[in-house]
Amino acid sequence: MSRHESADLLQGTLDMLILKVAALEPIHGYAIVQRLQRISKDALQIRQGSLYPALYRLERPTGWNRFLRLAVERASDARCPFDQSQPAP
C-alpha cells in the first residue's frame, strides 16, 4: 500500500468514526475527540489538526461525504463498539 493510499484509508476511517459518534447525539468537536479517546481507552489520539479538517470535509454535501453519511444512517441499527447505548451480547 502506497503512502497516499494509507493516508486515504486513515482519513476515511476518521470520517466514519466521527460520523458514528455524531449520529448518536448532537455533539461538538472537542466532545467527539473525548468520546473516541474514552471508548478506545486512549488508543486513538486525534489532534485538532486532523479533527477539524475532517469535520469541514464532512460538511460538504456531495460525493464521498454523502455516501459516508448515508452509510452511517443505514448502519445505525448495527452494533458498533463506539455506541455505548447498545448492550453487549
Foldseek 3Di string as FASTA:
>chain_A
DDPVVVVVVVLVVLLLLLLLLCVVDPDDQVVSQVLVCVLVVNPDHDDPVNRPVSVVVLVDCDDPSVVSNVVSVVCVVPDDSSDPVDDDD
